[in-house]
Amino acid sequence: MGMFLNSPAPFEAYKATKAGVYFVDKSDLLGELIPAFGTEDRYYCITRPRRFGKSVMANMVGAFLCKAADAEELFHNLTILKDKKYTAHLNTHNIFFIDFSRMPRDCESYTSYINRFQNGLNRDLAEAYPQIAIDIEGAVWDNLLNIFQHTNDKFIFIIDEWDAIFHKSFITPSEQEKYLEFLKIY
């Protein structure tokens, strides 16, 4: 378990949400996502206005798919249980869960912001795959490709608060463009 790779954070967050008084089961969303795995339609963007549960849904998807924790008890009485692919996907995927609103300490530049994520992703890969040469300073994409070629392992990225950096005073318009390119690559 790393900072981003197979982190228990989405499981714990969704567990707390489910224990809440106002919990609403939206697990049928998982049944809509699963059929797209491995197809060209595998990219999803879930949009809603502020405070409409995007982070809750991201945590739910992470808790359900991620290998970090056994979530069977968490989902056993939810709508997704009726899906015939339920057991094939429950806690069986390598998940990168990234919350882009988490800022590095004393962050005052785009470079320090984006390096935190790139270095963290690479460190997580190096820890999870010690048998494969991971270039910590290299491109995450190259390291993922290297891992796939050696192990056939695939990864799912769940990104929350992708636009948080646009609300920071230190980011310039050209850095906003760089950031969008960064997101396109991953």
N, C-alpha and C. Protein backbone atom coordinates (compact mmCIF):
# COMPACT_ATOMS: atom_id res chain seq x y z
N MET A 1 0.84 -1.18 0.00
CA MET A 1 0.00 0.00 0.00
C MET A 1 0.88 1.24 0.00
N GLY A 2 0.55 2.13 -0.88
CA GLY A 2 1.34 3.34 -0.97
C GLY A 2 0.50 4.58 -0.71
N MET A 3 1.09 5.68 -1.02
CA MET A 3 0.39 6.96 -0.85
C MET A 3 -0.79 7.05 -1.82
N PHE A 4 -0.60 6.57 -3.05
CA PHE A 4 -1.64 6.63 -4.07
C PHE A 4 -2.07 5.25 -4.54
N LEU A 5 -1.13 4.31 -4.65
CA LEU A 5 -1.42 2.97 -5.16
C LEU A 5 -1.97 2.08 -4.06
N ASN A 6 -3.17 1.57 -4.31
CA ASN A 6 -3.84 0.66 -3.38
C ASN A 6 -3.88 1.20 -1.95
N SER A 7 -4.18 2.47 -1.85
CA SER A 7 -4.32 3.12 -0.55
C SER A 7 -5.64 2.73 0.10
N PRO A 8 -5.67 2.54 1.41
CA PRO A 8 -6.93 2.26 2.09
C PRO A 8 -7.80 3.50 2.29
N ALA A 9 -7.33 4.65 1.89
CA ALA A 9 -8.06 5.91 2.12
C ALA A 9 -9.49 5.90 1.56
N PRO A 10 -9.72 5.50 0.29
CA PRO A 10 -11.11 5.51 -0.19
C PRO A 10 -12.01 4.52 0.55
N PHE A 11 -11.46 3.38 0.94
CA PHE A 11 -12.23 2.40 1.72
C PHE A 11 -12.68 3.02 3.04
N GLU A 12 -11.74 3.62 3.76
CA GLU A 12 -12.06 4.21 5.06
C GLU A 12 -13.06 5.36 4.92
N ALA A 13 -12.88 6.17 3.88
CA ALA A 13 -13.80 7.30 3.66
C ALA A 13 -15.20 6.81 3.33
N TYR A 14 -15.29 5.79 2.48
CA TYR A 14 -16.62 5.27 2.11
C TYR A 14 -17.26 4.55 3.29
N LYS A 15 -16.47 3.86 4.08
CA LYS A 15 -16.98 3.19 5.28
C LYS A 15 -17.62 4.22 6.22
N ALA A 16 -16.96 5.36 6.40
CA ALA A 16 -17.51 6.42 7.25
C ALA A 16 -18.79 6.99 6.64
N THR A 17 -18.81 7.15 5.31
CA THR A 17 -20.02 7.66 4.65
C THR A 17 -21.18 6.69 4.84
N LYS A 18 -20.91 5.41 4.64
CA LYS A 18 -21.98 4.41 4.76
C LYS A 18 -22.54 4.34 6.18
N ALA A 19 -21.71 4.62 7.16
CA ALA A 19 -22.16 4.60 8.56
C ALA A 19 -22.99 5.83 8.92
N GLY A 20 -23.02 6.81 8.02
CA GLY A 20 -23.75 8.05 8.31
C GLY A 20 -25.26 7.90 8.29
N VAL A 21 -25.92 8.81 8.93
CA VAL A 21 -27.38 8.80 9.04
C VAL A 21 -28.06 8.99 7.68
N TYR A 22 -27.46 9.77 6.80
CA TYR A 22 -28.10 10.11 5.53
C TYR A 22 -27.53 9.34 4.35
N PHE A 23 -27.00 8.16 4.57
CA PHE A 23 -26.41 7.36 3.50
C PHE A 23 -27.46 6.95 2.47
N VAL A 24 -27.09 7.12 1.20
CA VAL A 24 -27.94 6.68 0.08
C VAL A 24 -27.11 5.73 -0.77
N ASP A 25 -27.64 4.56 -1.06
CA ASP A 25 -26.95 3.56 -1.87
C ASP A 25 -26.91 3.98 -3.33
N LYS A 26 -25.73 4.27 -3.82
CA LYS A 26 -25.54 4.61 -5.24
C LYS A 26 -24.62 3.59 -5.91
N SER A 27 -24.56 2.39 -5.34
CA SER A 27 -23.63 1.38 -5.84
C SER A 27 -24.00 0.85 -7.22
N ASP A 28 -25.22 1.13 -7.68
CA ASP A 28 -25.56 0.71 -9.04
C ASP A 28 -24.67 1.39 -10.08
N LEU A 29 -24.04 2.50 -9.72
CA LEU A 29 -23.06 3.14 -10.60
C LEU A 29 -21.94 2.17 -10.95
N LEU A 30 -21.54 1.35 -10.01
CA LEU A 30 -20.48 0.37 -10.27
C LEU A 30 -20.87 -0.59 -11.39
N GLY A 31 -22.12 -0.99 -11.42
CA GLY A 31 -22.62 -1.87 -12.47
C GLY A 31 -22.56 -1.24 -13.85
N GLU A 32 -22.56 0.09 -13.89
CA GLU A 32 -22.43 0.79 -15.17
C GLU A 32 -20.97 0.94 -15.59
N LEU A 33 -20.06 1.03 -14.62
CA LEU A 33 -18.64 1.20 -14.92
C LEU A 33 -17.97 -0.11 -15.34
N ILE A 34 -18.28 -1.17 -14.65
CA ILE A 34 -17.58 -2.45 -14.85
C ILE A 34 -17.59 -2.94 -16.30
N PRO A 35 -18.70 -2.89 -17.02
CA PRO A 35 -18.68 -3.40 -18.40
C PRO A 35 -17.70 -2.66 -19.32
N ALA A 36 -17.29 -1.47 -18.96
CA ALA A 36 -16.38 -0.70 -19.80
C ALA A 36 -14.91 -1.08 -19.60
N PHE A 37 -14.61 -1.82 -18.56
CA PHE A 37 -13.22 -2.20 -18.30
C PHE A 37 -12.66 -2.94 -19.51
N GLY A 38 -11.49 -2.54 -19.94
CA GLY A 38 -10.83 -3.19 -21.07
C GLY A 38 -11.36 -2.81 -22.43
N THR A 39 -12.25 -1.82 -22.50
CA THR A 39 -12.78 -1.37 -23.79
C THR A 39 -12.30 0.05 -24.07
N GLU A 40 -12.58 0.53 -25.26
CA GLU A 40 -12.22 1.92 -25.58
C GLU A 40 -13.08 2.92 -24.82
N ASP A 41 -14.17 2.47 -24.26
CA ASP A 41 -15.08 3.33 -23.50
C ASP A 41 -14.75 3.33 -22.01
N ARG A 42 -13.52 3.03 -21.66
CA ARG A 42 -13.16 2.84 -20.26
C ARG A 42 -12.89 4.14 -19.49
N TYR A 43 -12.98 5.28 -20.12
CA TYR A 43 -12.72 6.55 -19.45
C TYR A 43 -14.05 7.19 -19.04
N TYR A 44 -14.15 7.52 -17.78
CA TYR A 44 -15.37 8.14 -17.27
C TYR A 44 -15.04 9.44 -16.57
N CYS A 45 -15.94 10.38 -16.72
CA CYS A 45 -15.86 11.63 -15.98
C CYS A 45 -17.23 11.83 -15.33
N ILE A 46 -17.25 11.77 -14.03
CA ILE A 46 -18.50 11.93 -13.30
C ILE A 46 -18.59 13.37 -12.84
N THR A 47 -19.56 14.08 -13.37
CA THR A 47 -19.70 15.50 -13.04
C THR A 47 -21.00 15.74 -12.29
N ARG A 48 -20.94 16.64 -11.39
CA ARG A 48 -22.09 17.10 -10.62
C ARG A 48 -21.72 18.47 -10.08
N PRO A 49 -22.72 19.25 -9.66
CA PRO A 49 -22.41 20.54 -9.00
C PRO A 49 -21.69 20.29 -7.67
N ARG A 50 -21.13 21.33 -7.12
CA ARG A 50 -20.47 21.21 -5.81
C ARG A 50 -21.42 20.63 -4.77
N ARG A 51 -20.86 19.80 -3.90
CA ARG A 51 -21.59 19.21 -2.77
C ARG A 51 -22.66 18.20 -3.20
N PHE A 52 -22.49 17.58 -4.37
CA PHE A 52 -23.46 16.59 -4.85
C PHE A 52 -22.90 15.17 -4.83
N GLY A 53 -21.81 14.94 -4.12
CA GLY A 53 -21.35 13.58 -3.89
C GLY A 53 -20.33 12.99 -4.84
N LYS A 54 -19.60 13.83 -5.57
CA LYS A 54 -18.57 13.28 -6.48
C LYS A 54 -17.49 12.55 -5.70
N SER A 55 -17.05 13.13 -4.61
CA SER A 55 -16.01 12.49 -3.80
C SER A 55 -16.53 11.20 -3.16
N VAL A 56 -17.77 11.20 -2.74
CA VAL A 56 -18.36 9.98 -2.18
C VAL A 56 -18.36 8.88 -3.24
N MET A 57 -18.73 9.24 -4.47
CA MET A 57 -18.73 8.23 -5.54
C MET A 57 -17.32 7.75 -5.85
N ALA A 58 -16.36 8.66 -5.86
CA ALA A 58 -14.97 8.27 -6.10
C ALA A 58 -14.50 7.32 -5.00
N ASN A 59 -14.83 7.63 -3.76
CA ASN A 59 -14.46 6.75 -2.65
C ASN A 59 -15.15 5.39 -2.77
N MET A 60 -16.40 5.38 -3.18
CA MET A 60 -17.13 4.12 -3.35
C MET A 60 -16.46 3.25 -4.41
N VAL A 61 -16.13 3.84 -5.56
CA VAL A 61 -15.48 3.09 -6.63
C VAL A 61 -14.13 2.56 -6.15
N GLY A 62 -13.36 3.41 -5.47
CA GLY A 62 -12.07 2.98 -4.95
C GLY A 62 -12.21 1.87 -3.92
N ALA A 63 -13.15 2.00 -3.00
CA ALA A 63 -13.35 0.99 -1.96
C ALA A 63 -13.76 -0.34 -2.57
N PHE A 64 -14.59 -0.31 -3.59
CA PHE A 64 -15.09 -1.53 -4.22
C PHE A 64 -14.01 -2.24 -5.04
N LEU A 65 -13.28 -1.50 -5.84
CA LEU A 65 -12.34 -2.11 -6.78
C LEU A 65 -10.96 -2.40 -6.18
N CYS A 66 -10.51 -1.59 -5.25
CA CYS A 66 -9.12 -1.61 -4.78
C CYS A 66 -8.77 -2.85 -3.96
N LYS A 67 -7.56 -3.31 -4.13
CA LYS A 67 -7.02 -4.46 -3.40
C LYS A 67 -6.67 -4.12 -1.94
N ALA A 68 -6.74 -2.88 -1.55
CA ALA A 68 -6.23 -2.43 -0.25
C ALA A 68 -6.95 -3.03 0.95
N ALA A 69 -8.25 -3.27 0.84
CA ALA A 69 -9.02 -3.74 1.98
C ALA A 69 -10.13 -4.67 1.51
N ASP A 70 -10.54 -5.56 2.36
CA ASP A 70 -11.64 -6.47 2.05
C ASP A 70 -12.95 -5.71 2.27
N ALA A 71 -13.62 -5.38 1.19
CA ALA A 71 -14.82 -4.56 1.27
C ALA A 71 -16.11 -5.37 1.16
N GLU A 72 -16.03 -6.69 1.25
CA GLU A 72 -17.23 -7.51 1.09
C GLU A 72 -18.33 -7.12 2.08
N GLU A 73 -17.96 -6.95 3.33
CA GLU A 73 -18.96 -6.58 4.34
C GLU A 73 -19.54 -5.19 4.09
N LEU A 74 -18.74 -4.31 3.53
CA LEU A 74 -19.18 -2.95 3.24
C LEU A 74 -20.23 -2.91 2.14
N PHE A 75 -20.13 -3.83 1.16
CA PHE A 75 -21.03 -3.82 0.00
C PHE A 75 -22.06 -4.94 0.01
N HIS A 76 -22.03 -5.84 0.98
CA HIS A 76 -22.86 -7.04 0.94
C HIS A 76 -24.36 -6.77 0.90
N ASN A 77 -24.82 -5.63 1.37
CA ASN A 77 -26.25 -5.35 1.38
C ASN A 77 -26.63 -4.19 0.45
N LEU A 78 -25.75 -3.88 -0.51
CA LEU A 78 -26.03 -2.78 -1.43
C LEU A 78 -26.48 -3.32 -2.79
N THR A 79 -27.01 -2.47 -3.61
CA THR A 79 -27.55 -2.83 -4.91
C THR A 79 -26.56 -3.57 -5.80
N ILE A 80 -25.28 -3.24 -5.72
CA ILE A 80 -24.27 -3.86 -6.58
C ILE A 80 -24.20 -5.37 -6.38
N LEU A 81 -24.62 -5.86 -5.23
CA LEU A 81 -24.59 -7.29 -4.95
C LEU A 81 -25.38 -8.08 -6.00
N LYS A 82 -26.39 -7.46 -6.59
CA LYS A 82 -27.23 -8.13 -7.59
C LYS A 82 -26.53 -8.25 -8.95
N ASP A 83 -25.45 -7.50 -9.16
CA ASP A 83 -24.73 -7.54 -10.43
C ASP A 83 -23.95 -8.85 -10.53
N LYS A 84 -24.07 -9.54 -11.65
CA LYS A 84 -23.43 -10.85 -11.80
C LYS A 84 -21.90 -10.76 -11.83
N LYS A 85 -21.35 -9.58 -12.07
CA LYS A 85 -19.89 -9.41 -12.09
C LYS A 85 -19.36 -8.90 -10.75
N TYR A 86 -20.20 -8.89 -9.74
CA TYR A 86 -19.85 -8.37 -8.42
C TYR A 86 -18.57 -8.99 -7.87
N THR A 87 -18.55 -10.31 -7.76
CA THR A 87 -17.39 -10.95 -7.12
C THR A 87 -16.15 -10.91 -7.99
N ALA A 88 -16.31 -10.83 -9.30
CA ALA A 88 -15.14 -10.80 -10.19
C ALA A 88 -14.35 -9.50 -10.05
N HIS A 89 -14.97 -8.44 -9.53
CA HIS A 89 -14.30 -7.15 -9.45
C HIS A 89 -14.09 -6.63 -8.04
N LEU A 90 -14.77 -7.20 -7.07
CA LEU A 90 -14.64 -6.73 -5.69
C LEU A 90 -13.20 -6.93 -5.21
N ASN A 91 -12.52 -5.83 -4.95
CA ASN A 91 -11.15 -5.81 -4.40
C ASN A 91 -10.14 -6.60 -5.23
N THR A 92 -10.23 -6.47 -6.56
CA THR A 92 -9.33 -7.23 -7.43
C THR A 92 -8.46 -6.35 -8.33
N HIS A 93 -8.52 -5.05 -8.17
CA HIS A 93 -7.81 -4.15 -9.08
C HIS A 93 -6.75 -3.31 -8.37
N ASN A 94 -5.70 -2.99 -9.12
CA ASN A 94 -4.71 -2.02 -8.66
C ASN A 94 -5.27 -0.63 -8.94
N ILE A 95 -5.46 0.13 -7.89
CA ILE A 95 -6.08 1.44 -8.00
C ILE A 95 -5.09 2.53 -7.59
N PHE A 96 -4.98 3.53 -8.44
CA PHE A 96 -4.32 4.78 -8.05
C PHE A 96 -5.45 5.74 -7.68
N PHE A 97 -5.52 6.12 -6.43
CA PHE A 97 -6.53 7.07 -5.96
C PHE A 97 -5.83 8.39 -5.68
N ILE A 98 -6.15 9.40 -6.47
CA ILE A 98 -5.46 10.69 -6.36
C ILE A 98 -6.48 11.79 -6.08
N ASP A 99 -6.27 12.48 -4.98
CA ASP A 99 -7.07 13.65 -4.64
C ASP A 99 -6.18 14.87 -4.89
N PHE A 100 -6.44 15.57 -5.98
CA PHE A 100 -5.60 16.70 -6.36
C PHE A 100 -5.80 17.93 -5.48
N SER A 101 -6.71 17.89 -4.52
CA SER A 101 -6.83 19.03 -3.61
C SER A 101 -5.82 18.94 -2.47
N ARG A 102 -5.15 17.82 -2.34
CA ARG A 102 -4.13 17.66 -1.31
C ARG A 102 -2.85 18.34 -1.76
N MET A 103 -2.53 19.43 -1.13
CA MET A 103 -1.37 20.24 -1.52
C MET A 103 -0.13 19.85 -0.73
N PRO A 104 1.02 19.88 -1.38
CA PRO A 104 2.26 19.69 -0.62
C PRO A 104 2.45 20.84 0.37
N ARG A 105 3.18 20.59 1.41
CA ARG A 105 3.47 21.63 2.40
C ARG A 105 4.21 22.78 1.74
N ASP A 106 3.84 23.99 2.07
CA ASP A 106 4.47 25.19 1.54
C ASP A 106 4.49 25.23 0.02
N CYS A 107 3.44 24.77 -0.60
CA CYS A 107 3.37 24.72 -2.06
C CYS A 107 3.12 26.12 -2.62
N GLU A 108 4.07 26.58 -3.41
CA GLU A 108 3.94 27.90 -4.02
C GLU A 108 4.26 27.88 -5.50
N SER A 109 4.35 26.67 -6.08
CA SER A 109 4.63 26.60 -7.51
C SER A 109 3.99 25.36 -8.11
N TYR A 110 3.73 25.47 -9.39
CA TYR A 110 3.17 24.33 -10.12
C TYR A 110 4.14 23.15 -10.07
N THR A 111 5.42 23.43 -10.18
CA THR A 111 6.43 22.37 -10.20
C THR A 111 6.39 21.55 -8.91
N SER A 112 6.34 22.21 -7.76
CA SER A 112 6.31 21.45 -6.50
C SER A 112 4.98 20.69 -6.36
N TYR A 113 3.92 21.27 -6.88
CA TYR A 113 2.60 20.62 -6.84
C TYR A 113 2.61 19.33 -7.66
N ILE A 114 3.01 19.42 -8.91
CA ILE A 114 2.93 18.27 -9.81
C ILE A 114 4.00 17.24 -9.49
N ASN A 115 5.17 17.68 -9.02
CA ASN A 115 6.22 16.74 -8.65
C ASN A 115 5.79 15.84 -7.49
N ARG A 116 5.01 16.40 -6.58
CA ARG A 116 4.52 15.58 -5.46
C ARG A 116 3.77 14.37 -5.98
N PHE A 117 2.93 14.58 -6.97
CA PHE A 117 2.13 13.47 -7.50
C PHE A 117 2.98 12.52 -8.34
N GLN A 118 3.79 13.06 -9.23
CA GLN A 118 4.60 12.19 -10.08
C GLN A 118 5.58 11.37 -9.24
N ASN A 119 6.27 12.00 -8.31
CA ASN A 119 7.23 11.28 -7.47
C ASN A 119 6.52 10.26 -6.58
N GLY A 120 5.36 10.64 -6.05
CA GLY A 120 4.60 9.71 -5.21
C GLY A 120 4.14 8.49 -5.99
N LEU A 121 3.65 8.69 -7.20
CA LEU A 121 3.22 7.57 -8.04
C LEU A 121 4.40 6.64 -8.32
N ASN A 122 5.54 7.21 -8.68
CA ASN A 122 6.72 6.40 -8.98
C ASN A 122 7.24 5.67 -7.75
N ARG A 123 7.23 6.33 -6.59
CA ARG A 123 7.67 5.66 -5.36
C ARG A 123 6.74 4.48 -5.02
N ASP A 124 5.45 4.69 -5.20
CA ASP A 124 4.50 3.61 -4.95
C ASP A 124 4.76 2.43 -5.87
N LEU A 125 5.04 2.71 -7.14
CA LEU A 125 5.33 1.64 -8.10
C LEU A 125 6.61 0.91 -7.72
N ALA A 126 7.64 1.64 -7.32
CA ALA A 126 8.91 1.02 -6.92
C ALA A 126 8.72 0.13 -5.70
N GLU A 127 7.89 0.56 -4.77
CA GLU A 127 7.63 -0.24 -3.58
C GLU A 127 6.82 -1.50 -3.92
N ALA A 128 5.84 -1.36 -4.79
CA ALA A 128 4.97 -2.48 -5.13
C ALA A 128 5.64 -3.48 -6.07
N TYR A 129 6.61 -3.01 -6.86
CA TYR A 129 7.26 -3.87 -7.86
C TYR A 129 8.78 -3.79 -7.69
N PRO A 130 9.31 -4.28 -6.57
CA PRO A 130 10.76 -4.19 -6.34
C PRO A 130 11.58 -4.99 -7.34
N GLN A 131 10.97 -5.97 -7.99
CA GLN A 131 11.67 -6.80 -8.97
C GLN A 131 11.83 -6.12 -10.32
N ILE A 132 11.19 -4.98 -10.51
CA ILE A 132 11.24 -4.26 -11.78
C ILE A 132 11.95 -2.92 -11.56
N ALA A 133 12.83 -2.58 -12.47
CA ALA A 133 13.57 -1.31 -12.36
C ALA A 133 12.61 -0.15 -12.65
N ILE A 134 12.29 0.60 -11.61
CA ILE A 134 11.40 1.76 -11.73
C ILE A 134 12.27 3.01 -11.68
N ASP A 135 12.10 3.86 -12.67
CA ASP A 135 12.84 5.13 -12.72
C ASP A 135 12.05 6.18 -11.93
N ILE A 136 12.47 6.41 -10.70
CA ILE A 136 11.76 7.33 -9.81
C ILE A 136 11.68 8.73 -10.41
N GLU A 137 12.69 9.14 -11.12
CA GLU A 137 12.71 10.47 -11.74
C GLU A 137 12.07 10.49 -13.12
N GLY A 138 11.67 9.33 -13.61
CA GLY A 138 11.15 9.23 -14.97
C GLY A 138 9.65 9.48 -15.05
N ALA A 139 9.14 9.30 -16.24
CA ALA A 139 7.71 9.48 -16.49
C ALA A 139 6.93 8.30 -15.92
N VAL A 140 5.84 8.60 -15.24
CA VAL A 140 5.00 7.56 -14.66
C VAL A 140 4.52 6.62 -15.77
N TRP A 141 4.15 7.20 -16.91
CA TRP A 141 3.65 6.39 -18.02
C TRP A 141 4.68 5.33 -18.43
N ASP A 142 5.95 5.70 -18.52
CA ASP A 142 7.00 4.75 -18.89
C ASP A 142 7.10 3.63 -17.85
N ASN A 143 7.01 3.97 -16.59
CA ASN A 143 7.08 2.96 -15.54
C ASN A 143 5.88 2.02 -15.58
N LEU A 144 4.69 2.57 -15.84
CA LEU A 144 3.50 1.73 -15.96
C LEU A 144 3.62 0.77 -17.14
N LEU A 145 4.12 1.26 -18.24
CA LEU A 145 4.31 0.41 -19.43
C LEU A 145 5.33 -0.69 -19.14
N ASN A 146 6.40 -0.35 -18.47
CA ASN A 146 7.42 -1.32 -18.09
C ASN A 146 6.82 -2.42 -17.20
N ILE A 147 6.02 -2.03 -16.24
CA ILE A 147 5.37 -3.00 -15.36
C ILE A 147 4.41 -3.89 -16.15
N PHE A 148 3.64 -3.28 -17.02
CA PHE A 148 2.69 -4.06 -17.82
C PHE A 148 3.42 -5.08 -18.69
N GLN A 149 4.53 -4.68 -19.29
CA GLN A 149 5.29 -5.59 -20.16
C GLN A 149 5.87 -6.76 -19.38
N HIS A 150 6.20 -6.55 -18.10
CA HIS A 150 6.78 -7.62 -17.30
C HIS A 150 5.73 -8.47 -16.58
N THR A 151 4.60 -7.87 -16.22
CA THR A 151 3.64 -8.57 -15.36
C THR A 151 2.23 -8.69 -15.94
N ASN A 152 1.94 -7.91 -16.95
CA ASN A 152 0.58 -7.80 -17.52
C ASN A 152 -0.40 -7.15 -16.53
N ASP A 153 0.11 -6.54 -15.47
CA ASP A 153 -0.73 -5.84 -14.50
C ASP A 153 -1.24 -4.53 -15.11
N LYS A 154 -2.49 -4.24 -14.82
CA LYS A 154 -3.12 -3.01 -15.28
C LYS A 154 -3.53 -2.19 -14.06
N PHE A 155 -3.77 -0.92 -14.30
CA PHE A 155 -4.08 0.00 -13.21
C PHE A 155 -5.30 0.84 -13.57
N ILE A 156 -6.07 1.16 -12.55
CA ILE A 156 -7.21 2.06 -12.70
C ILE A 156 -6.87 3.33 -11.92
N PHE A 157 -7.07 4.47 -12.56
CA PHE A 157 -6.86 5.76 -11.92
C PHE A 157 -8.21 6.34 -11.53
N ILE A 158 -8.34 6.71 -10.28
CA ILE A 158 -9.51 7.44 -9.79
C ILE A 158 -8.99 8.79 -9.34
N ILE A 159 -9.48 9.82 -9.99
CA ILE A 159 -8.99 11.17 -9.72
C ILE A 159 -10.12 12.01 -9.16
N ASP A 160 -9.88 12.57 -7.99
CA ASP A 160 -10.85 13.44 -7.34
C ASP A 160 -10.26 14.85 -7.27
N GLU A 161 -11.13 15.82 -7.39
CA GLU A 161 -10.74 17.24 -7.30
C GLU A 161 -9.67 17.61 -8.32
N TRP A 162 -9.82 17.13 -9.54
CA TRP A 162 -8.82 17.36 -10.59
C TRP A 162 -8.60 18.85 -10.86
N ASP A 163 -9.59 19.68 -10.58
CA ASP A 163 -9.50 21.10 -10.91
C ASP A 163 -9.04 21.97 -9.73
N ALA A 164 -8.63 21.37 -8.63
CA ALA A 164 -8.27 22.15 -7.44
C ALA A 164 -7.16 23.15 -7.71
N ILE A 165 -6.21 22.79 -8.55
CA ILE A 165 -5.07 23.69 -8.81
C ILE A 165 -5.50 24.98 -9.51
N PHE A 166 -6.58 24.95 -10.24
CA PHE A 166 -7.03 26.14 -10.95
C PHE A 166 -7.49 27.24 -10.00
N HIS A 167 -7.67 26.89 -8.75
CA HIS A 167 -8.11 27.86 -7.75
C HIS A 167 -6.95 28.40 -6.92
N LYS A 168 -5.73 28.07 -7.33
CA LYS A 168 -4.54 28.54 -6.61
C LYS A 168 -3.92 29.72 -7.34
N SER A 169 -3.49 30.69 -6.59
CA SER A 169 -2.97 31.93 -7.19
C SER A 169 -1.63 31.74 -7.88
N PHE A 170 -0.87 30.71 -7.52
CA PHE A 170 0.46 30.55 -8.08
C PHE A 170 0.49 29.95 -9.49
N ILE A 171 -0.60 29.40 -9.96
CA ILE A 171 -0.57 28.73 -11.27
C ILE A 171 -0.84 29.75 -12.39
N THR A 172 0.01 29.70 -13.40
CA THR A 172 -0.12 30.60 -14.55
C THR A 172 -0.94 29.91 -15.64
N PRO A 173 -1.44 30.68 -16.61
CA PRO A 173 -2.18 30.06 -17.71
C PRO A 173 -1.36 29.00 -18.46
N SER A 174 -0.07 29.22 -18.66
CA SER A 174 0.73 28.21 -19.36
C SER A 174 0.90 26.95 -18.51
N GLU A 175 0.96 27.11 -17.19
CA GLU A 175 1.03 25.95 -16.31
C GLU A 175 -0.30 25.20 -16.27
N GLN A 176 -1.39 25.93 -16.40
CA GLN A 176 -2.69 25.26 -16.50
C GLN A 176 -2.72 24.35 -17.73
N GLU A 177 -2.16 24.83 -18.84
CA GLU A 177 -2.09 24.01 -20.05
C GLU A 177 -1.21 22.78 -19.83
N LYS A 178 -0.07 22.96 -19.15
CA LYS A 178 0.82 21.83 -18.84
C LYS A 178 0.09 20.78 -17.99
N TYR A 179 -0.65 21.27 -17.03
CA TYR A 179 -1.40 20.38 -16.14
C TYR A 179 -2.43 19.57 -16.93
N LEU A 180 -3.14 20.22 -17.81
CA LEU A 180 -4.13 19.51 -18.63
C LEU A 180 -3.45 18.46 -19.51
N GLU A 181 -2.27 18.77 -20.03
CA GLU A 181 -1.51 17.79 -20.80
C GLU A 181 -1.10 16.62 -19.90
N PHE A 182 -0.67 16.93 -18.68
CA PHE A 182 -0.32 15.88 -17.71
C PHE A 182 -1.50 14.95 -17.50
N LEU A 183 -2.69 15.49 -17.34
CA LEU A 183 -3.87 14.65 -17.13
C LEU A 183 -4.19 13.81 -18.36
N LYS A 184 -3.96 14.33 -19.54
CA LYS A 184 -4.24 13.57 -20.78
C LYS A 184 -3.33 12.36 -20.89
N ILE A 185 -2.11 12.48 -20.42
CA ILE A 185 -1.15 11.39 -20.53
C ILE A 185 -1.54 10.24 -19.62
N TYR A 186 -2.01 10.56 -18.43
CA TYR A 186 -2.33 9.52 -17.46
C TYR A 186 -3.78 9.20 -17.53
